C-alpha atoms as a PDB file:
ATOM      1  CA  MET A   1      -0.296 -28.398  -1.155  1.00  0.00           C
ATOM      2  CA  LYS A   2      -2.959 -28.769   1.553  1.00  0.00           C
ATOM      3  CA  TYR A   3      -2.413 -25.236   2.758  1.00  0.00           C
ATOM      4  CA  VAL A   4      -2.492 -23.757  -0.739  1.00  0.00           C
ATOM      5  CA  SER A   5      -5.953 -25.200  -1.432  1.00  0.00           C
ATOM      6  CA  ARG A   6      -7.138 -24.172   2.051  1.00  0.00           C
ATOM      7  CA  LEU A   7      -6.005 -20.613   1.416  1.00  0.00           C
ATOM      8  CA  ALA A   8      -7.654 -20.569  -2.010  1.00  0.00           C
ATOM      9  CA  ILE A   9     -11.007 -21.689  -0.602  1.00  0.00           C
ATOM     10  CA  MET A  10     -10.895 -19.165   2.237  1.00  0.00           C
ATOM     11  CA  LEU A  11     -10.008 -16.330  -0.145  1.00  0.00           C
ATOM     12  CA  ILE A  12     -12.986 -17.177  -2.334  1.00  0.00           C
ATOM     13  CA  VAL A  13     -15.320 -17.217   0.660  1.00  0.00           C
ATOM     14  CA  THR A  14     -13.928 -14.194   2.505  1.00  0.00           C
ATOM     15  CA  ALA A  15     -12.408 -12.029  -0.235  1.00  0.00           C
ATOM     16  CA  PRO A  16     -14.977  -9.223   0.029  1.00  0.00           C
ATOM     17  CA  LEU A  17     -14.384  -8.950   3.770  1.00  0.00           C
ATOM     18  CA  LEU A  18     -10.621  -9.361   3.799  1.00  0.00           C
ATOM     19  CA  ALA A  19      -9.967  -7.097   0.834  1.00  0.00           C
ATOM     20  CA  ILE A  20     -11.190  -4.036   2.670  1.00  0.00           C
ATOM     21  CA  ALA A  21     -10.775  -4.612   6.410  1.00  0.00           C
ATOM     22  CA  GLY A  22      -7.458  -4.769   8.187  1.00  0.00           C
ATOM     23  CA  PRO A  23      -6.926  -5.337  11.898  1.00  0.00           C
ATOM     24  CA  GLY A  24      -8.860  -2.760  13.894  1.00  0.00           C
ATOM     25  CA  ASN A  25     -10.264  -1.073  10.794  1.00  0.00           C
ATOM     26  CA  ALA A  26     -13.805  -0.133   9.917  1.00  0.00           C
ATOM     27  CA  GLU A  27     -14.705   1.131   6.504  1.00  0.00           C
ATOM     28  CA  GLU A  28     -17.874   2.102   4.665  1.00  0.00           C
ATOM     29  CA  TRP A  29     -18.433   3.204   1.103  1.00  0.00           C
ATOM     30  CA  THR A  30     -21.307   3.854  -1.281  1.00  0.00           C
ATOM     31  CA  ARG A  31     -21.252   4.023  -5.059  1.00  0.00           C
ATOM     32  CA  SER A  32     -23.613   4.046  -8.004  1.00  0.00           C
ATOM     33  CA  THR A  33     -23.944   0.954 -10.174  1.00  0.00           C
ATOM     34  CA  ALA A  34     -23.739   0.817 -13.952  1.00  0.00           C
ATOM     35  CA  ARG A  35     -27.514   0.556 -14.404  1.00  0.00           C
ATOM     36  CA  GLY A  36     -28.643   3.309 -12.067  1.00  0.00           C
ATOM     37  CA  GLY A  37     -28.722   1.506  -8.732  1.00  0.00           C
ATOM     38  CA  GLN A  38     -26.640   1.992  -5.618  1.00  0.00           C
ATOM     39  CA  ILE A  39     -24.439  -0.264  -3.494  1.00  0.00           C
ATOM     40  CA  THR A  40     -23.281   0.334   0.090  1.00  0.00           C
ATOM     41  CA  ARG A  41     -20.702  -1.807   1.867  1.00  0.00           C
ATOM     42  CA  THR A  42     -19.478  -1.721   5.470  1.00  0.00           C
ATOM     43  CA  VAL A  43     -16.585  -3.872   6.712  1.00  0.00           C
ATOM     44  CA  SER A  44     -14.828  -4.036  10.071  1.00  0.00           C
ATOM     45  CA  GLY A  45     -12.301  -6.377  11.596  1.00  0.00           C
ATOM     46  CA  GLU A  46      -9.996  -6.941  14.508  1.00  0.00           C
ATOM     47  CA  ASP A  47      -7.969  -9.828  15.987  1.00  0.00           C
ATOM     48  CA  GLY A  48      -8.843 -12.354  13.281  1.00  0.00           C
ATOM     49  CA  ARG A  49     -12.573 -11.574  13.304  1.00  0.00           C
ATOM     50  CA  TYR A  50     -14.204  -9.741  10.428  1.00  0.00           C
ATOM     51  CA  SER A  51     -17.765  -8.712   9.703  1.00  0.00           C
ATOM     52  CA  GLY A  52     -19.472  -6.815   6.952  1.00  0.00           C
ATOM     53  CA  THR A  53     -22.760  -5.871   5.339  1.00  0.00           C
ATOM     54  CA  THR A  54     -23.729  -5.084   1.778  1.00  0.00           C
ATOM     55  CA  THR A  55     -26.908  -3.402   0.563  1.00  0.00           C
ATOM     56  CA  ARG A  56     -27.677  -3.036  -3.112  1.00  0.00           C
ATOM     57  CA  THR A  57     -30.686  -1.215  -4.535  1.00  0.00           C
ATOM     58  CA  GLY A  58     -31.554  -1.492  -8.197  1.00  0.00           C
ATOM     59  CA  ALA A  59     -33.019   1.220 -10.381  1.00  0.00           C
ATOM     60  CA  ASN A  60     -36.212  -0.876 -10.620  1.00  0.00           C
ATOM     61  CA  GLY A  61     -36.646  -0.974  -6.810  1.00  0.00           C
ATOM     62  CA  ALA A  62     -35.188  -4.429  -6.208  1.00  0.00           C
ATOM     63  CA  THR A  63     -32.976  -4.761  -3.104  1.00  0.00           C
ATOM     64  CA  TYR A  64     -30.293  -7.197  -1.964  1.00  0.00           C
ATOM     65  CA  THR A  65     -28.915  -7.232   1.577  1.00  0.00           C
ATOM     66  CA  SER A  66     -26.226  -9.505   2.935  1.00  0.00           C
ATOM     67  CA  SER A  67     -24.221  -9.692   6.133  1.00  0.00           C
ATOM     68  CA  GLY A  68     -21.343 -11.948   7.040  1.00  0.00           C
ATOM     69  CA  GLN A  69     -18.841 -12.761   9.747  1.00  0.00           C
ATOM     70  CA  CYS A  70     -15.527 -14.601   9.607  1.00  0.00           C
ATOM     71  CA  ALA A  71     -13.164 -15.838  12.304  1.00  0.00           C
ATOM     72  CA  SER A  72      -9.719 -17.283  11.711  1.00  0.00           C
ATOM     73  CA  GLY A  73      -8.058 -19.941  13.837  1.00  0.00           C
ATOM     74  CA  ILE A  74      -7.160 -23.612  13.540  1.00  0.00           C
ATOM     75  CA  VAL A  75     -10.524 -23.925  11.819  1.00  0.00           C
ATOM     76  CA  ASP A  76     -11.456 -20.841   9.791  1.00  0.00           C
ATOM     77  CA  ARG A  77     -15.200 -20.141   9.874  1.00  0.00           C
ATOM     78  CA  CYS A  78     -17.443 -17.851   7.867  1.00  0.00           C
ATOM     79  CA  ALA A  79     -21.201 -17.328   7.951  1.00  0.00           C
ATOM     80  CA  ARG A  80     -23.357 -15.218   5.660  1.00  0.00           C
ATOM     81  CA  SER A  81     -27.047 -14.440   5.474  1.00  0.00           C
ATOM     82  CA  TYR A  82     -28.782 -12.641   2.643  1.00  0.00           C
ATOM     83  CA  SER A  83     -32.149 -11.449   1.440  1.00  0.00           C
ATOM     84  CA  ALA A  84     -33.252 -10.321  -2.005  1.00  0.00           C
ATOM     85  CA  THR A  85     -36.556  -8.647  -2.832  1.00  0.00           C
ATOM     86  CA  GLY A  86     -37.618  -8.138  -6.434  1.00  0.00           C
ATOM     87  CA  PRO A  87     -39.435  -5.104  -7.805  1.00  0.00           C
ATOM     88  CA  LYS A  88     -42.797  -6.902  -7.432  1.00  0.00           C
ATOM     89  CA  GLY A  89     -42.178  -7.823  -3.781  1.00  0.00           C
ATOM     90  CA  THR A  90     -41.002 -11.419  -4.293  1.00  0.00           C
ATOM     91  CA  THR A  91     -38.430 -12.309  -1.613  1.00  0.00           C
ATOM     92  CA  VAL A  92     -35.703 -14.953  -1.431  1.00  0.00           C
ATOM     93  CA  THR A  93     -33.624 -15.432   1.729  1.00  0.00           C
ATOM     94  CA  GLY A  94     -30.687 -17.644   2.548  1.00  0.00           C
ATOM     95  CA  LYS A  95     -27.870 -18.546   4.902  1.00  0.00           C
ATOM     96  CA  ARG A  96     -24.494 -20.155   4.291  1.00  0.00           C
ATOM     97  CA  ALA A  97     -21.796 -21.317   6.704  1.00  0.00           C
ATOM     98  CA  THR A  98     -18.327 -22.598   5.834  1.00  0.00           C
ATOM     99  CA  ALA A  99     -15.641 -24.141   8.041  1.00  0.00           C
ATOM    100  CA  VAL A 100     -12.172 -24.843   6.657  1.00  0.00           C
ATOM    101  CA  GLY A 101      -9.949 -27.047   8.794  1.00  0.00           C
ATOM    102  CA  PRO A 102      -6.671 -28.857   8.239  1.00  0.00           C
ATOM    103  CA  TRP A 103      -8.352 -32.037   6.950  1.00  0.00           C
ATOM    104  CA  ARG A 104     -11.727 -31.050   5.531  1.00  0.00           C
ATOM    105  CA  VAL A 105     -14.001 -28.286   4.343  1.00  0.00           C
ATOM    106  CA  ARG A 106     -17.643 -28.234   5.409  1.00  0.00           C
ATOM    107  CA  THR A 107     -20.420 -26.048   4.080  1.00  0.00           C
ATOM    108  CA  ALA A 108     -24.090 -25.815   4.897  1.00  0.00           C
ATOM    109  CA  SER A 109     -26.574 -23.604   3.119  1.00  0.00           C
ATOM    110  CA  SER A 110     -30.279 -22.938   3.227  1.00  0.00           C
ATOM    111  CA  ILE A 111     -32.323 -20.998   0.677  1.00  0.00           C
ATOM    112  CA  THR A 112     -35.983 -20.117   1.182  1.00  0.00           C
ATOM    113  CA  GLY A 113     -37.919 -19.216  -1.949  1.00  0.00           C
ATOM    114  CA  PRO A 114     -40.782 -16.800  -2.460  1.00  0.00           C
ATOM    115  CA  GLU A 115     -43.472 -19.398  -1.709  1.00  0.00           C
ATOM    116  CA  GLY A 116     -41.761 -20.747   1.414  1.00  0.00           C
ATOM    117  CA  SER A 117     -40.063 -23.706  -0.256  1.00  0.00           C
ATOM    118  CA  ARG A 118     -36.624 -24.455   1.173  1.00  0.00           C
ATOM    119  CA  LEU A 119     -33.463 -25.975  -0.290  1.00  0.00           C
ATOM    120  CA  LEU A 120     -30.846 -27.333   2.129  1.00  0.00           C
ATOM    121  CA  THR A 121     -27.336 -28.254   1.033  1.00  0.00           C
ATOM    122  CA  LEU A 122     -24.646 -29.936   3.139  1.00  0.00           C
ATOM    123  CA  ARG A 123     -21.214 -30.560   1.689  1.00  0.00           C
ATOM    124  CA  ARG A 124     -18.017 -32.068   3.096  1.00  0.00           C
ATOM    125  CA  ILE A 125     -14.768 -32.187   1.177  1.00  0.00           C
ATOM    126  CA  VAL A 126     -12.005 -34.368   2.624  1.00  0.00           C
ATOM    127  CA  ARG A 127      -8.463 -33.519   1.618  1.00  0.00           C
END
């Protein structure tokens, strides 16, 4: 049961990276979105380490960029950073890190708002 919940959490965190990249693969694609924007995604991985970037541009000029890295081992780790800029130039940035081990899951996140205010979140789940 422990390993089933561990796998479920890691799939939620790393699904975009693992769905596309296999060992030694690198892939990039671009497509249009339903409302006239565009999304580009690049993923690469090898030997239990995966990384990827996503850039999304809206029809109104808003942009979202994110990049992430994951490494598997006794403790699986993932880190992601992102930035979003609205059509009027308002920017929000953030970072999130997750570590999934045999006995606990730890996450830390930081979000910085448009006026420089920051929200920090630390979470530990013991199994």
